[in-house]
Amino acid sequence: MKKFFIGLLKGIGYFGIYFGMQLLVTTVYAIVGVVPVAMKYYTSEENVFAPDVFNRYMEEVLQVVMEAALPSVIISALLTIGVLWLIFVCRKKKFAQEISLRKMNPAAIAPLVLMGLSLNVVTGLVLSLVPEEWMSAYEASSSMVTSGHPVVMALATVIAAPVIEEIIFRGLAYTRMKKGMPTAVAVILSSALFGVAHGQWVWMLYAFVFGLVLVWAFEHTKSLLANILLHLSYNGCAMLQLLIPENAPETVWMAINIGSVVVAAISIFWFAKVEGGRE
């Protein structure tokens, strides 16, 4: 039982470092952006408490917060990696070894990329079945990561987020939990933490399911590189979909959805066969 709680506390501890750094960076970034807005209204002759002025003020504050979201992901990821590296250096341990950053099987690259791309589309297909009234909060949250500069968006969602999330949730939380509890319990708990980290409940649900897939991939490859590649491909597909015109014919989306379901099935089987053959 002692090992169970030690593993659990370590997993939650690494999650705490990740969440705390995000909260700190987002707060500082937002304050730095909000103060000039507040000062502008404070020094103006307008009555900030008048409904129309207050609404305008809140819109500007919200815009600042939204603009801070993507840069905060990048900055907090870099700072978190720096803190973790320092922790392991102080403990005289190799950072790459502690997070399972090992070479991966080159034959697994293609199926992992296809799996990530196709599963993202399949996720969207499943979400299209969710009642519209349940999706309003999800769409509002999603707009925070799809309204920034394309380069910043790519760096944050396609590179920074997959790298730091795989380090925290698979490289550290899952592996530490697994040492003190049954594997199935570690899989569920680490995936639940991964879901919680995404904040909005729709995100939480599919992040939890995707977390299960990521642990499955990690168990097959034993390499965090493979997980980062899968996660990167999954997030990258969301950006690729932004390139499709909004007025694209329904048949185009139908073909993409059907093709993705087929590709997802093939890539999962392909990956399992490639990695299974090595064991």
Protein backbone atom coordinates (compact mmCIF):
# COMPACT_ATOMS: atom_id res chain seq x y z
CA MET A 1 0.00 0.00 0.00
CA LYS A 2 2.93 2.30 0.75
CA LYS A 3 4.27 1.88 -2.80
CA PHE A 4 0.81 2.68 -4.16
CA PHE A 5 0.64 6.05 -2.40
CA ILE A 6 4.25 6.89 -3.23
CA GLY A 7 3.57 6.21 -6.92
CA LEU A 8 0.32 8.17 -6.77
CA LEU A 9 1.93 11.14 -5.04
CA LYS A 10 4.80 11.21 -7.53
CA GLY A 11 2.38 11.19 -10.44
CA ILE A 12 0.28 13.97 -8.92
CA GLY A 13 3.46 15.85 -8.01
CA TYR A 14 4.71 15.97 -11.60
CA PHE A 15 1.23 17.01 -12.72
CA GLY A 16 1.37 19.75 -10.06
CA ILE A 17 4.64 21.10 -11.46
CA TYR A 18 3.14 21.19 -14.94
CA PHE A 19 -0.15 22.77 -13.85
CA GLY A 20 1.50 25.22 -11.47
CA MET A 21 3.89 26.47 -14.13
CA GLN A 22 1.03 26.93 -16.60
CA LEU A 23 -1.00 28.84 -14.01
CA LEU A 24 1.95 31.05 -13.08
CA VAL A 25 2.89 31.92 -16.67
CA THR A 26 -0.73 32.49 -17.75
CA THR A 27 -1.37 34.74 -14.73
CA VAL A 28 1.77 36.84 -15.25
CA TYR A 29 1.21 37.06 -19.00
CA ALA A 30 -2.44 38.10 -18.50
CA ILE A 31 -1.60 40.70 -15.83
CA VAL A 32 1.07 42.27 -18.02
CA GLY A 33 -1.48 42.53 -20.82
CA VAL A 34 -4.47 43.57 -18.72
CA VAL A 35 -2.77 46.38 -16.75
CA PRO A 36 -2.35 48.67 -19.81
CA VAL A 37 -6.01 48.11 -20.70
CA ALA A 38 -7.11 48.91 -17.16
CA MET A 39 -4.92 52.02 -17.07
CA LYS A 40 -6.34 53.20 -20.38
CA TYR A 41 -9.87 53.14 -19.00
CA TYR A 42 -8.82 54.47 -15.57
CA THR A 43 -7.17 57.55 -17.07
CA SER A 44 -9.95 58.18 -19.59
CA GLU A 45 -12.93 60.41 -18.92
CA GLU A 46 -15.35 57.54 -19.57
CA ASN A 47 -17.27 55.97 -16.71
CA VAL A 48 -15.98 52.41 -16.71
CA PHE A 49 -19.06 51.29 -14.77
CA ALA A 50 -21.42 52.42 -17.50
CA PRO A 51 -22.80 49.24 -19.14
CA ASP A 52 -21.54 49.94 -22.66
CA VAL A 53 -18.06 51.04 -21.47
CA PHE A 54 -17.77 48.12 -19.06
CA ASN A 55 -18.74 45.66 -21.79
CA ARG A 56 -16.12 47.15 -24.09
CA TYR A 57 -13.54 46.93 -21.29
CA MET A 58 -14.35 43.27 -20.61
CA GLU A 59 -14.12 42.47 -24.33
CA GLU A 60 -10.61 43.93 -24.44
CA VAL A 61 -9.61 42.02 -21.29
CA LEU A 62 -10.96 38.79 -22.77
CA GLN A 63 -9.02 39.46 -25.97
CA VAL A 64 -5.82 39.88 -23.94
CA VAL A 65 -6.46 36.60 -22.11
CA MET A 66 -7.10 34.77 -25.39
CA GLU A 67 -3.95 36.21 -26.94
CA ALA A 68 -1.99 35.03 -23.88
CA ALA A 69 -3.17 31.42 -24.15
CA LEU A 70 -0.85 30.15 -26.90
CA PRO A 71 2.34 32.00 -25.88
CA SER A 72 1.73 30.81 -22.31
CA VAL A 73 1.72 27.19 -23.50
CA ILE A 74 5.12 27.63 -25.14
CA ILE A 75 6.72 29.54 -22.26
CA SER A 76 5.33 27.26 -19.53
CA ALA A 77 6.46 24.17 -21.47
CA LEU A 78 10.03 25.49 -21.72
CA LEU A 79 10.09 26.50 -18.05
CA THR A 80 8.62 23.16 -16.93
CA ILE A 81 11.24 21.22 -18.88
CA GLY A 82 13.91 23.44 -17.33
CA VAL A 83 12.62 22.83 -13.81
CA LEU A 84 12.39 19.07 -14.36
CA TRP A 85 15.87 18.95 -15.87
CA LEU A 86 17.23 20.84 -12.83
CA ILE A 87 15.46 18.47 -10.44
CA PHE A 88 17.02 15.41 -12.06
CA VAL A 89 20.44 17.04 -12.32
CA CYS A 90 20.34 17.81 -8.60
CA ARG A 91 19.41 14.17 -7.97
CA LYS A 92 22.31 13.12 -10.24
CA LYS A 93 20.01 11.38 -12.70
CA LYS A 94 19.88 11.60 -16.48
CA PHE A 95 16.83 13.53 -17.62
CA ALA A 96 16.42 11.66 -20.93
CA GLN A 97 16.63 8.30 -19.18
CA GLU A 98 14.15 9.29 -16.47
CA ILE A 99 11.50 10.28 -19.03
CA SER A 100 12.12 7.23 -21.28
CA LEU A 101 13.44 9.36 -24.15
CA ARG A 102 14.84 6.41 -26.11
CA LYS A 103 15.34 5.62 -29.77
CA MET A 104 12.21 4.29 -31.44
CA ASN A 105 11.68 1.68 -34.12
CA PRO A 106 11.82 3.51 -37.51
CA ALA A 107 9.24 1.05 -38.88
CA ALA A 108 6.71 2.45 -36.40
CA ILE A 109 6.95 6.03 -37.67
CA ALA A 110 4.51 5.72 -40.60
CA PRO A 111 1.72 3.91 -38.71
CA LEU A 112 2.06 6.30 -35.75
CA VAL A 113 1.73 9.37 -37.96
CA LEU A 114 -1.25 7.92 -39.80
CA MET A 115 -2.81 6.87 -36.50
CA GLY A 116 -2.50 10.35 -35.06
CA LEU A 117 -3.89 12.09 -38.15
CA SER A 118 -6.82 9.72 -38.56
CA LEU A 119 -7.77 9.53 -34.87
CA ASN A 120 -8.10 13.31 -34.72
CA VAL A 121 -10.66 13.22 -37.54
CA VAL A 122 -12.46 10.30 -35.88
CA THR A 123 -12.60 12.34 -32.66
CA GLY A 124 -14.25 15.18 -34.56
CA LEU A 125 -16.70 12.72 -36.08
CA VAL A 126 -17.68 11.46 -32.62
CA LEU A 127 -18.01 15.03 -31.29
CA SER A 128 -20.41 15.84 -34.14
CA LEU A 129 -22.85 13.43 -32.48
CA VAL A 130 -22.78 15.35 -29.19
CA PRO A 131 -25.83 17.63 -28.63
CA GLU A 132 -25.14 21.18 -29.79
CA GLU A 133 -25.99 22.75 -26.42
CA TRP A 134 -23.22 20.69 -24.81
CA MET A 135 -20.65 21.95 -27.30
CA SER A 136 -20.89 25.72 -26.71
CA ALA A 137 -18.34 25.77 -23.87
CA TYR A 138 -16.07 23.42 -25.80
CA GLU A 139 -16.15 25.64 -28.89
CA ALA A 140 -15.41 28.70 -26.76
CA SER A 141 -12.39 26.96 -25.26
CA SER A 142 -11.26 25.73 -28.69
CA SER A 143 -11.35 29.29 -30.06
CA MET A 144 -8.53 30.20 -27.66
CA VAL A 145 -6.15 27.85 -29.49
CA THR A 146 -7.37 28.51 -33.03
CA SER A 147 -7.46 32.31 -33.07
CA GLY A 148 -3.78 33.12 -32.74
CA HIS A 149 -1.01 33.65 -35.28
CA PRO A 150 -0.51 30.43 -37.32
CA VAL A 151 3.18 30.16 -36.39
CA VAL A 152 2.50 30.62 -32.67
CA MET A 153 -0.43 28.20 -32.96
CA ALA A 154 1.80 25.57 -34.57
CA LEU A 155 4.57 26.00 -32.00
CA ALA A 156 2.12 25.81 -29.10
CA THR A 157 -0.30 23.07 -30.14
CA VAL A 158 1.79 20.93 -32.49
CA ILE A 159 5.18 21.07 -30.75
CA ALA A 160 5.17 22.49 -27.20
CA ALA A 161 1.97 20.84 -25.94
CA PRO A 162 2.71 17.30 -27.23
CA VAL A 163 6.30 17.38 -25.93
CA ILE A 164 5.57 18.63 -22.41
CA GLU A 165 2.37 16.58 -22.01
CA GLU A 166 4.11 13.37 -23.01
CA ILE A 167 6.99 14.11 -20.65
CA ILE A 168 4.60 14.74 -17.75
CA PHE A 169 1.81 12.21 -18.28
CA ARG A 170 3.54 9.22 -19.91
CA GLY A 171 7.25 9.77 -19.26
CA LEU A 172 6.86 10.64 -15.57
CA ALA A 173 3.36 10.26 -14.07
CA TYR A 174 2.51 6.91 -15.68
CA THR A 175 5.92 5.30 -15.17
CA ARG A 176 6.05 6.34 -11.50
CA MET A 177 2.50 5.22 -10.81
CA LYS A 178 3.15 1.90 -12.51
CA LYS A 179 5.94 1.14 -10.03
CA GLY A 180 3.56 1.25 -7.09
CA MET A 181 0.26 -0.08 -8.40
CA PRO A 182 -1.26 -2.48 -10.95
CA THR A 183 -0.63 -1.39 -14.53
CA ALA A 184 -4.35 -1.05 -15.29
CA VAL A 185 -4.82 1.34 -12.37
CA ALA A 186 -1.78 3.41 -13.45
CA VAL A 187 -3.16 3.57 -17.00
CA ILE A 188 -6.53 4.86 -15.81
CA LEU A 189 -5.16 7.33 -13.25
CA SER A 190 -2.52 8.84 -15.56
CA SER A 191 -5.08 9.15 -18.36
CA ALA A 192 -7.53 10.76 -15.93
CA LEU A 193 -4.89 13.33 -14.97
CA PHE A 194 -4.29 13.95 -18.66
CA GLY A 195 -8.01 14.55 -19.09
CA VAL A 196 -8.25 16.89 -16.10
CA ALA A 197 -5.36 18.95 -17.49
CA HIS A 198 -7.53 19.91 -20.47
CA GLY A 199 -10.04 21.77 -18.27
CA GLN A 200 -13.25 21.74 -20.30
CA TRP A 201 -15.36 18.60 -19.77
CA VAL A 202 -15.70 17.61 -23.45
CA TRP A 203 -11.93 17.99 -23.81
CA MET A 204 -11.51 15.97 -20.61
CA LEU A 205 -13.51 13.05 -21.97
CA TYR A 206 -11.73 12.63 -25.28
CA ALA A 207 -8.34 13.51 -23.76
CA PHE A 208 -8.89 10.64 -21.31
CA VAL A 209 -9.64 8.23 -24.17
CA PHE A 210 -6.68 9.52 -26.19
CA GLY A 211 -4.58 9.15 -23.04
CA LEU A 212 -5.43 5.44 -23.01
CA VAL A 213 -4.26 5.17 -26.63
CA LEU A 214 -1.04 7.02 -25.80
CA VAL A 215 -0.26 4.68 -22.90
CA TRP A 216 -0.95 1.71 -25.18
CA ALA A 217 1.55 3.10 -27.69
CA PHE A 218 4.06 3.77 -24.92
CA GLU A 219 3.79 0.22 -23.61
CA HIS A 220 4.50 -1.13 -27.10
CA THR A 221 7.46 1.12 -27.89
CA LYS A 222 8.85 1.96 -24.43
CA SER A 223 9.94 5.22 -26.09
CA LEU A 224 8.63 8.70 -25.39
CA LEU A 225 9.74 9.70 -28.88
CA ALA A 226 7.05 7.47 -30.35
CA ASN A 227 4.45 9.03 -28.08
CA ILE A 228 5.50 12.56 -28.99
CA LEU A 229 5.24 11.66 -32.68
CA LEU A 230 1.74 10.22 -32.24
CA HIS A 231 0.59 13.18 -30.15
CA LEU A 232 2.19 15.67 -32.56
CA SER A 233 0.41 14.06 -35.51
CA TYR A 234 -2.92 14.12 -33.67
CA ASN A 235 -2.66 17.83 -32.84
CA GLY A 236 -1.18 18.65 -36.23
CA CYS A 237 -4.23 17.24 -37.98
CA ALA A 238 -6.38 19.88 -36.31
CA MET A 239 -4.26 22.58 -37.93
CA LEU A 240 -4.37 20.86 -41.30
CA GLN A 241 -8.16 20.84 -41.14
CA LEU A 242 -8.14 24.64 -40.77
CA LEU A 243 -6.77 24.77 -44.33
CA ILE A 244 -9.95 23.20 -45.71
CA PRO A 245 -12.36 25.92 -46.90
CA GLU A 246 -15.46 26.37 -44.75
CA ASN A 247 -17.62 26.12 -47.85
CA ALA A 248 -16.10 22.80 -48.93
CA PRO A 249 -18.73 20.39 -50.29
CA GLU A 250 -20.27 17.94 -47.84
CA THR A 251 -18.88 15.10 -49.95
CA VAL A 252 -15.34 16.25 -49.16
CA TRP A 253 -15.91 15.93 -45.41
CA MET A 254 -17.71 12.65 -45.91
CA ALA A 255 -14.72 11.27 -47.81
CA ILE A 256 -12.31 12.54 -45.13
CA ASN A 257 -14.37 11.00 -42.32
CA ILE A 258 -14.81 7.61 -44.00
CA GLY A 259 -11.19 7.53 -45.09
CA SER A 260 -10.01 8.40 -41.58
CA VAL A 261 -11.99 5.59 -39.98
CA VAL A 262 -10.43 3.13 -42.45
CA VAL A 263 -6.92 4.56 -42.01
CA ALA A 264 -7.28 4.52 -38.21
CA ALA A 265 -8.13 0.81 -38.26
CA ILE A 266 -5.30 -0.02 -40.69
CA SER A 267 -2.69 2.06 -38.84
CA ILE A 268 -3.56 0.58 -35.44
CA PHE A 269 -3.24 -2.94 -36.84
CA TRP A 270 -0.03 -1.98 -38.69
CA PHE A 271 1.53 -0.44 -35.58
CA ALA A 272 0.59 -3.41 -33.40
CA LYS A 273 2.08 -5.79 -35.95
CA VAL A 274 5.32 -3.79 -36.29
CA GLU A 275 5.86 -3.46 -32.55
CA GLY A 276 4.49 -6.90 -31.74
CA GLY A 277 7.02 -8.47 -34.04
CA ARG A 278 9.85 -6.95 -32.00
CA GLU A 279 8.72 -8.39 -28.67
